[in-house]
Amino acid sequence: MAHSFKYTAGLHNASSFATAGTPWLSGSTCTNGKQQIMRFPNVTKSVTVINTSEDGTGYLRIHFQSGSTSNCATNGTDNAIAATDGVIRGKHFVVLSASSNAVTFDVKCKEIYVSAWGGGNRVDYTVVADLTGIPSHHMYELTGSGINHSRNDTSGGPSI
């Protein structure tokens, strides 16, 4: 009796995250008070964001949900960010404060958000990702406590 089952890469397949990934590199410039989204073609094993601004005056915030109530444009287009959003108000982001500062997340995701604030008018950055063989449409949306809501969040989102 022949079986037609085929093993494939998946979110719960440890081998997908244990082997070396495919490199993915991109960069952009984000305007002060705006955000950008970087969407990956495959699910990541890790993501590194580097503040490459030469003047060292701008700050980057890296988060896993939008800091805006409006849709965010893809890879390199600015979108206004709202200080009242659960991500920003709840401080669900990491700050890169100076040129050449970097942060690496050992995380599976299909996208990250980068927002600029303070200092200069614009902040340059580079994103380096280690991709798995898992197509990004297989990845669930990252949400909840620590991502875009907190236990005391009153923004209308679900309490965790």
N, C-alpha and C. Protein backbone atom coordinates (compact mmCIF):
# COMPACT_ATOMS: atom_id res chain seq x y z
N MET A 1 0.84 -1.16 0.00
CA MET A 1 0.00 0.00 0.00
C MET A 1 0.90 1.24 0.00
N ALA A 2 0.72 2.09 -0.99
CA ALA A 2 1.53 3.31 -1.11
C ALA A 2 0.89 4.45 -0.33
N HIS A 3 1.72 5.21 0.33
CA HIS A 3 1.25 6.38 1.06
C HIS A 3 1.71 7.63 0.32
N SER A 4 0.84 8.60 0.24
CA SER A 4 1.18 9.82 -0.49
C SER A 4 1.59 10.96 0.44
N PHE A 5 1.80 10.67 1.73
CA PHE A 5 2.19 11.70 2.68
C PHE A 5 3.57 12.23 2.34
N LYS A 6 3.71 13.53 2.36
CA LYS A 6 4.98 14.17 2.05
C LYS A 6 5.37 15.08 3.21
N TYR A 7 6.54 14.87 3.79
CA TYR A 7 7.04 15.75 4.84
C TYR A 7 7.46 17.09 4.23
N THR A 8 7.06 18.17 4.88
CA THR A 8 7.44 19.50 4.41
C THR A 8 7.90 20.35 5.59
N ALA A 9 8.57 21.44 5.26
CA ALA A 9 8.98 22.38 6.31
C ALA A 9 7.75 23.02 6.93
N GLY A 10 7.78 23.21 8.24
CA GLY A 10 6.64 23.81 8.91
C GLY A 10 7.05 24.49 10.19
N LEU A 11 6.12 25.25 10.76
CA LEU A 11 6.40 26.02 11.97
C LEU A 11 6.79 25.16 13.16
N HIS A 12 6.28 23.94 13.23
CA HIS A 12 6.56 23.06 14.37
C HIS A 12 7.59 21.97 14.01
N ASN A 13 8.28 22.17 12.91
CA ASN A 13 9.31 21.25 12.47
C ASN A 13 10.66 21.78 12.95
N ALA A 14 11.23 21.14 13.98
CA ALA A 14 12.47 21.62 14.60
C ALA A 14 13.61 21.72 13.59
N SER A 15 13.65 20.81 12.62
CA SER A 15 14.73 20.83 11.62
C SER A 15 14.72 22.11 10.80
N SER A 16 13.54 22.71 10.63
CA SER A 16 13.46 23.96 9.86
C SER A 16 14.23 25.09 10.54
N PHE A 17 14.37 25.01 11.85
CA PHE A 17 15.05 26.05 12.60
C PHE A 17 16.44 25.65 13.07
N ALA A 18 16.81 24.38 12.91
CA ALA A 18 18.11 23.88 13.37
C ALA A 18 19.19 24.00 12.31
N THR A 19 18.80 24.05 11.06
CA THR A 19 19.77 24.12 9.98
C THR A 19 20.08 25.57 9.62
N ALA A 20 21.15 25.78 8.88
CA ALA A 20 21.51 27.13 8.44
C ALA A 20 20.41 27.68 7.55
N GLY A 21 20.12 28.95 7.70
CA GLY A 21 19.06 29.58 6.93
C GLY A 21 19.58 30.29 5.70
N THR A 22 18.66 30.81 4.93
CA THR A 22 18.98 31.58 3.74
C THR A 22 19.11 33.05 4.13
N PRO A 23 20.19 33.72 3.74
CA PRO A 23 20.35 35.13 4.12
C PRO A 23 19.40 36.04 3.35
N TRP A 24 18.94 37.08 4.04
CA TRP A 24 18.07 38.10 3.45
C TRP A 24 18.54 39.45 3.98
N LEU A 25 18.81 40.41 3.09
CA LEU A 25 19.33 41.72 3.47
C LEU A 25 18.51 42.82 2.81
N SER A 26 18.24 43.87 3.56
CA SER A 26 17.56 45.04 3.00
C SER A 26 17.88 46.23 3.90
N GLY A 27 17.57 47.39 3.42
CA GLY A 27 17.78 48.60 4.21
C GLY A 27 16.89 49.70 3.70
N SER A 28 16.78 50.74 4.51
CA SER A 28 15.93 51.86 4.11
C SER A 28 16.25 53.07 4.99
N THR A 29 15.51 54.13 4.77
CA THR A 29 15.57 55.33 5.58
C THR A 29 14.17 55.62 6.08
N CYS A 30 14.02 55.80 7.39
CA CYS A 30 12.72 56.07 7.99
C CYS A 30 12.71 57.51 8.50
N THR A 31 11.64 58.23 8.20
CA THR A 31 11.49 59.62 8.60
C THR A 31 11.01 59.71 10.04
N ASN A 32 11.48 60.71 10.78
CA ASN A 32 11.10 60.92 12.17
C ASN A 32 9.57 60.95 12.31
N GLY A 33 9.05 60.16 13.26
CA GLY A 33 7.62 60.11 13.51
C GLY A 33 6.86 59.16 12.59
N LYS A 34 7.57 58.42 11.77
CA LYS A 34 6.95 57.50 10.81
C LYS A 34 7.42 56.07 11.11
N GLN A 35 6.76 55.10 10.47
CA GLN A 35 7.16 53.69 10.60
C GLN A 35 7.20 53.03 9.24
N GLN A 36 7.92 51.94 9.17
CA GLN A 36 8.00 51.12 7.97
C GLN A 36 7.86 49.67 8.37
N ILE A 37 7.42 48.83 7.43
CA ILE A 37 7.32 47.40 7.67
C ILE A 37 8.27 46.68 6.73
N MET A 38 8.94 45.67 7.25
CA MET A 38 9.76 44.79 6.43
C MET A 38 9.09 43.42 6.45
N ARG A 39 8.61 42.99 5.28
CA ARG A 39 7.98 41.68 5.14
C ARG A 39 8.99 40.72 4.53
N PHE A 40 9.07 39.54 5.11
CA PHE A 40 10.02 38.54 4.66
C PHE A 40 9.33 37.51 3.76
N PRO A 41 10.04 37.00 2.74
CA PRO A 41 9.43 36.01 1.85
C PRO A 41 9.20 34.65 2.54
N ASN A 42 9.99 34.37 3.56
CA ASN A 42 9.86 33.13 4.33
C ASN A 42 9.92 33.48 5.82
N VAL A 43 9.49 32.56 6.66
CA VAL A 43 9.55 32.73 8.11
C VAL A 43 11.02 32.83 8.53
N THR A 44 11.31 33.70 9.48
CA THR A 44 12.68 33.91 9.94
C THR A 44 13.08 32.95 11.05
N LYS A 45 14.38 32.73 11.18
CA LYS A 45 14.99 32.08 12.35
C LYS A 45 15.49 33.17 13.28
N SER A 46 16.03 34.23 12.67
CA SER A 46 16.52 35.38 13.44
C SER A 46 16.47 36.62 12.55
N VAL A 47 16.41 37.77 13.22
CA VAL A 47 16.37 39.06 12.53
C VAL A 47 17.30 40.01 13.28
N THR A 48 18.17 40.70 12.54
CA THR A 48 19.04 41.73 13.11
C THR A 48 18.72 43.06 12.44
N VAL A 49 18.56 44.10 13.26
CA VAL A 49 18.34 45.46 12.75
C VAL A 49 19.51 46.30 13.21
N ILE A 50 20.11 47.05 12.27
CA ILE A 50 21.28 47.87 12.54
C ILE A 50 20.96 49.32 12.22
N ASN A 51 21.18 50.22 13.16
CA ASN A 51 21.03 51.66 12.93
C ASN A 51 22.29 52.11 12.20
N THR A 52 22.15 52.48 10.92
CA THR A 52 23.31 52.85 10.10
C THR A 52 23.41 54.36 9.85
N SER A 53 22.64 55.16 10.56
CA SER A 53 22.70 56.62 10.38
C SER A 53 24.08 57.13 10.75
N GLU A 54 24.61 57.96 9.89
CA GLU A 54 25.96 58.47 10.11
C GLU A 54 26.02 59.57 11.16
N ASP A 55 24.95 60.35 11.32
CA ASP A 55 25.01 61.46 12.26
C ASP A 55 24.75 61.03 13.70
N GLY A 56 24.18 59.83 13.91
CA GLY A 56 23.99 59.29 15.25
C GLY A 56 22.95 60.00 16.09
N THR A 57 22.09 60.83 15.47
CA THR A 57 21.11 61.57 16.26
C THR A 57 19.73 60.92 16.29
N GLY A 58 19.42 60.05 15.36
CA GLY A 58 18.09 59.45 15.30
C GLY A 58 17.99 58.14 16.05
N TYR A 59 16.80 57.84 16.53
CA TYR A 59 16.53 56.61 17.25
C TYR A 59 15.58 55.74 16.44
N LEU A 60 15.77 54.43 16.54
CA LEU A 60 14.86 53.47 15.90
C LEU A 60 14.12 52.69 16.97
N ARG A 61 12.87 52.42 16.72
CA ARG A 61 12.10 51.50 17.55
C ARG A 61 11.77 50.30 16.67
N ILE A 62 12.03 49.11 17.18
CA ILE A 62 11.74 47.88 16.45
C ILE A 62 10.62 47.17 17.19
N HIS A 63 9.55 46.83 16.47
CA HIS A 63 8.40 46.18 17.09
C HIS A 63 7.82 45.14 16.14
N PHE A 64 6.94 44.27 16.68
CA PHE A 64 6.38 43.16 15.91
C PHE A 64 4.93 43.38 15.51
N GLN A 65 4.37 44.52 15.84
CA GLN A 65 3.05 44.94 15.39
C GLN A 65 3.14 46.41 15.01
N SER A 66 2.21 46.86 14.19
CA SER A 66 2.19 48.25 13.76
C SER A 66 1.98 49.18 14.95
N GLY A 67 2.63 50.31 14.92
CA GLY A 67 2.42 51.34 15.92
C GLY A 67 1.45 52.39 15.41
N SER A 68 0.64 52.01 14.43
CA SER A 68 -0.30 52.94 13.81
C SER A 68 -1.65 52.27 13.65
N THR A 69 -2.69 53.06 13.61
CA THR A 69 -4.03 52.53 13.39
C THR A 69 -4.34 52.42 11.90
N SER A 70 -3.48 52.98 11.03
CA SER A 70 -3.69 52.86 9.59
C SER A 70 -2.75 51.81 9.02
N ASN A 71 -3.03 51.37 7.82
CA ASN A 71 -2.20 50.36 7.18
C ASN A 71 -0.79 50.89 6.96
N CYS A 72 0.17 50.00 7.06
CA CYS A 72 1.57 50.37 6.89
C CYS A 72 2.05 49.91 5.52
N ALA A 73 2.70 50.77 4.79
CA ALA A 73 3.22 50.42 3.48
C ALA A 73 4.38 49.45 3.61
N THR A 74 4.63 48.73 2.56
CA THR A 74 5.63 47.66 2.57
C THR A 74 7.03 48.16 2.25
N ASN A 75 8.01 47.53 2.89
CA ASN A 75 9.44 47.66 2.64
C ASN A 75 9.91 49.00 2.10
N GLY A 76 10.08 49.94 3.03
CA GLY A 76 10.74 51.18 2.70
C GLY A 76 9.86 52.39 2.46
N THR A 77 8.55 52.32 2.69
CA THR A 77 7.68 53.47 2.54
C THR A 77 7.18 53.90 3.91
N ASP A 78 7.31 55.19 4.22
CA ASP A 78 6.92 55.70 5.53
C ASP A 78 5.41 55.72 5.72
N ASN A 79 4.98 55.57 6.97
CA ASN A 79 3.58 55.69 7.37
C ASN A 79 3.58 56.33 8.75
N ALA A 80 2.63 57.25 9.00
CA ALA A 80 2.57 57.95 10.29
C ALA A 80 2.37 56.97 11.44
N ILE A 81 2.96 57.27 12.58
CA ILE A 81 2.85 56.42 13.76
C ILE A 81 2.07 57.18 14.84
N ALA A 82 1.24 56.46 15.57
CA ALA A 82 0.39 57.10 16.58
C ALA A 82 0.89 56.78 17.98
N ALA A 83 1.15 57.81 18.77
CA ALA A 83 1.65 57.62 20.13
C ALA A 83 0.60 57.00 21.04
N THR A 84 -0.65 56.98 20.59
CA THR A 84 -1.73 56.41 21.40
C THR A 84 -1.94 54.92 21.14
N ASP A 85 -1.27 54.37 20.17
CA ASP A 85 -1.43 52.96 19.84
C ASP A 85 -0.89 52.08 20.97
N GLY A 86 -1.46 50.88 21.13
CA GLY A 86 -1.06 49.95 22.20
C GLY A 86 0.41 49.57 22.14
N VAL A 87 0.99 49.48 20.95
CA VAL A 87 2.41 49.12 20.82
C VAL A 87 3.29 50.21 21.41
N ILE A 88 3.02 51.46 21.05
CA ILE A 88 3.84 52.58 21.51
C ILE A 88 3.52 52.91 22.96
N ARG A 89 2.24 53.06 23.29
CA ARG A 89 1.85 53.38 24.66
C ARG A 89 2.30 52.30 25.64
N GLY A 90 2.21 51.03 25.21
CA GLY A 90 2.62 49.91 26.07
C GLY A 90 4.12 49.63 26.05
N LYS A 91 4.86 50.41 25.29
CA LYS A 91 6.32 50.26 25.17
C LYS A 91 6.72 48.85 24.74
N HIS A 92 6.02 48.32 23.73
CA HIS A 92 6.31 47.00 23.18
C HIS A 92 7.27 47.13 22.00
N PHE A 93 8.44 47.68 22.27
CA PHE A 93 9.45 47.88 21.24
C PHE A 93 10.83 47.89 21.88
N VAL A 94 11.85 47.76 21.04
CA VAL A 94 13.25 47.87 21.46
C VAL A 94 13.82 49.10 20.76
N VAL A 95 14.62 49.90 21.47
CA VAL A 95 15.18 51.12 20.93
C VAL A 95 16.64 50.90 20.54
N LEU A 96 16.98 51.36 19.33
CA LEU A 96 18.39 51.44 18.89
C LEU A 96 18.73 52.92 18.89
N SER A 97 19.63 53.33 19.77
CA SER A 97 19.82 54.75 20.02
C SER A 97 20.93 55.43 19.26
N ALA A 98 21.85 54.70 18.71
CA ALA A 98 22.98 55.38 18.08
C ALA A 98 23.40 54.64 16.82
N SER A 99 24.15 55.35 15.99
CA SER A 99 24.67 54.76 14.78
C SER A 99 25.49 53.51 15.09
N SER A 100 25.34 52.51 14.29
CA SER A 100 26.02 51.22 14.40
C SER A 100 25.52 50.35 15.55
N ASN A 101 24.54 50.82 16.32
CA ASN A 101 23.91 49.96 17.32
C ASN A 101 23.08 48.92 16.59
N ALA A 102 23.03 47.70 17.13
CA ALA A 102 22.27 46.62 16.49
C ALA A 102 21.58 45.78 17.55
N VAL A 103 20.49 45.14 17.15
CA VAL A 103 19.79 44.20 18.01
C VAL A 103 19.43 42.98 17.16
N THR A 104 19.59 41.79 17.75
CA THR A 104 19.23 40.55 17.07
C THR A 104 18.12 39.87 17.85
N PHE A 105 17.09 39.46 17.13
CA PHE A 105 15.98 38.72 17.70
C PHE A 105 16.06 37.28 17.18
N ASP A 106 16.14 36.32 18.07
CA ASP A 106 16.10 34.91 17.69
C ASP A 106 14.63 34.51 17.73
N VAL A 107 13.92 34.79 16.61
CA VAL A 107 12.46 34.70 16.63
C VAL A 107 11.94 34.28 15.25
N LYS A 108 10.84 33.55 15.27
CA LYS A 108 10.17 33.26 14.00
C LYS A 108 9.10 34.32 13.80
N CYS A 109 9.14 34.95 12.63
CA CYS A 109 8.15 35.96 12.28
C CYS A 109 8.12 36.10 10.77
N LYS A 110 7.11 36.82 10.28
CA LYS A 110 7.01 37.06 8.84
C LYS A 110 7.20 38.53 8.49
N GLU A 111 7.26 39.40 9.54
CA GLU A 111 7.45 40.82 9.32
C GLU A 111 7.90 41.50 10.61
N ILE A 112 8.56 42.65 10.44
CA ILE A 112 8.88 43.50 11.59
C ILE A 112 8.55 44.94 11.19
N TYR A 113 8.37 45.77 12.21
CA TYR A 113 8.09 47.19 12.02
C TYR A 113 9.25 47.99 12.59
N VAL A 114 9.62 49.04 11.87
CA VAL A 114 10.70 49.93 12.28
C VAL A 114 10.13 51.34 12.28
N SER A 115 10.27 52.06 13.39
CA SER A 115 9.80 53.44 13.45
C SER A 115 10.94 54.34 13.94
N ALA A 116 10.93 55.58 13.46
CA ALA A 116 11.97 56.54 13.81
C ALA A 116 11.37 57.64 14.69
N TRP A 117 12.18 58.10 15.64
CA TRP A 117 11.73 59.20 16.50
C TRP A 117 12.93 59.90 17.11
N GLY A 118 12.74 61.14 17.47
CA GLY A 118 13.79 61.93 18.13
C GLY A 118 14.96 62.22 17.21
N GLY A 119 15.77 63.14 17.63
CA GLY A 119 17.00 63.42 16.90
C GLY A 119 16.75 64.01 15.53
N GLY A 120 17.45 63.48 14.55
CA GLY A 120 17.40 64.01 13.19
C GLY A 120 16.09 63.76 12.48
N ASN A 121 16.03 64.21 11.24
CA ASN A 121 14.81 64.08 10.44
C ASN A 121 14.62 62.68 9.88
N ARG A 122 15.68 61.91 9.78
CA ARG A 122 15.60 60.58 9.20
C ARG A 122 16.63 59.65 9.82
N VAL A 123 16.33 58.37 9.80
CA VAL A 123 17.24 57.37 10.36
C VAL A 123 17.42 56.25 9.34
N ASP A 124 18.67 55.97 9.00
CA ASP A 124 19.00 54.87 8.08
C ASP A 124 19.16 53.59 8.88
N TYR A 125 18.77 52.47 8.27
CA TYR A 125 18.91 51.18 8.94
C TYR A 125 19.07 50.05 7.93
N THR A 126 19.60 48.95 8.42
CA THR A 126 19.76 47.72 7.64
C THR A 126 19.12 46.58 8.40
N VAL A 127 18.46 45.69 7.68
CA VAL A 127 17.86 44.50 8.27
C VAL A 127 18.53 43.27 7.66
N VAL A 128 18.99 42.37 8.53
CA VAL A 128 19.60 41.11 8.12
C VAL A 128 18.76 40.00 8.74
N ALA A 129 18.24 39.11 7.91
CA ALA A 129 17.41 38.03 8.42
C ALA A 129 17.98 36.68 7.98
N ASP A 130 17.75 35.69 8.82
CA ASP A 130 18.12 34.29 8.56
C ASP A 130 16.79 33.58 8.31
N LEU A 131 16.53 33.20 7.04
CA LEU A 131 15.23 32.66 6.67
C LEU A 131 15.20 31.13 6.66
N THR A 132 14.07 30.58 7.07
CA THR A 132 13.83 29.14 6.98
C THR A 132 13.26 28.84 5.58
N GLY A 133 12.92 27.59 5.35
CA GLY A 133 12.27 27.20 4.10
C GLY A 133 10.75 27.25 4.19
N ILE A 134 10.23 27.84 5.26
CA ILE A 134 8.78 27.90 5.50
C ILE A 134 8.21 29.16 4.86
N PRO A 135 7.27 29.04 3.92
CA PRO A 135 6.66 30.23 3.30
C PRO A 135 6.00 31.11 4.37
N SER A 136 6.11 32.42 4.19
CA SER A 136 5.61 33.36 5.20
C SER A 136 4.11 33.26 5.44
N HIS A 137 3.33 32.81 4.45
CA HIS A 137 1.88 32.72 4.65
C HIS A 137 1.51 31.60 5.64
N HIS A 138 2.47 30.76 6.02
CA HIS A 138 2.23 29.73 7.03
C HIS A 138 2.34 30.29 8.45
N MET A 139 2.94 31.47 8.60
CA MET A 139 3.17 32.06 9.92
C MET A 139 1.93 32.79 10.41
N TYR A 140 1.60 32.58 11.68
CA TYR A 140 0.47 33.27 12.30
C TYR A 140 0.87 34.70 12.66
N GLU A 141 -0.14 35.53 12.91
CA GLU A 141 0.11 36.92 13.31
C GLU A 141 0.56 36.97 14.76
N LEU A 142 1.65 37.69 15.02
CA LEU A 142 2.12 37.88 16.39
C LEU A 142 1.26 38.95 17.05
N THR A 143 0.64 38.62 18.16
CA THR A 143 -0.26 39.54 18.86
C THR A 143 -0.37 39.13 20.31
N GLY A 144 -0.90 40.01 21.13
CA GLY A 144 -1.14 39.67 22.52
C GLY A 144 -0.20 40.38 23.47
N SER A 145 -0.15 39.90 24.70
CA SER A 145 0.66 40.49 25.75
C SER A 145 2.13 40.50 25.37
N GLY A 146 2.76 41.65 25.49
CA GLY A 146 4.18 41.78 25.14
C GLY A 146 4.41 42.13 23.69
N ILE A 147 3.40 42.04 22.85
CA ILE A 147 3.52 42.39 21.44
C ILE A 147 2.77 43.68 21.15
N ASN A 148 1.47 43.70 21.49
CA ASN A 148 0.69 44.91 21.26
C ASN A 148 -0.37 45.16 22.34
N HIS A 149 -0.43 44.32 23.36
CA HIS A 149 -1.38 44.52 24.46
C HIS A 149 -0.70 44.17 25.77
N SER A 150 -1.18 44.75 26.84
CA SER A 150 -0.71 44.39 28.17
C SER A 150 -1.91 44.14 29.05
N ARG A 151 -1.69 43.59 30.20
CA ARG A 151 -2.79 43.26 31.12
C ARG A 151 -3.65 44.48 31.45
N ASN A 152 -3.05 45.64 31.51
CA ASN A 152 -3.80 46.85 31.88
C ASN A 152 -4.17 47.69 30.66
N ASP A 153 -4.08 47.11 29.49
CA ASP A 153 -4.38 47.84 28.26
C ASP A 153 -5.86 48.14 28.16
N THR A 154 -6.20 49.40 27.94
CA THR A 154 -7.61 49.79 27.80
C THR A 154 -7.91 50.31 26.41
N SER A 155 -7.09 49.91 25.42
CA SER A 155 -7.27 50.41 24.07
C SER A 155 -8.35 49.68 23.29
N GLY A 156 -9.05 48.76 23.93
CA GLY A 156 -10.11 48.04 23.25
C GLY A 156 -9.66 46.70 22.72
N GLY A 157 -8.38 46.38 22.83
CA GLY A 157 -7.89 45.09 22.37
C GLY A 157 -8.14 44.04 23.43
N PRO A 158 -7.91 42.78 23.10
CA PRO A 158 -8.16 41.71 24.07
C PRO A 158 -7.19 41.76 25.22
N SER A 159 -7.67 41.49 26.41
CA SER A 159 -6.81 41.40 27.58
C SER A 159 -6.25 40.00 27.67
N ILE A 160 -5.00 39.90 28.00
CA ILE A 160 -4.33 38.61 28.09
C ILE A 160 -4.03 38.32 29.54
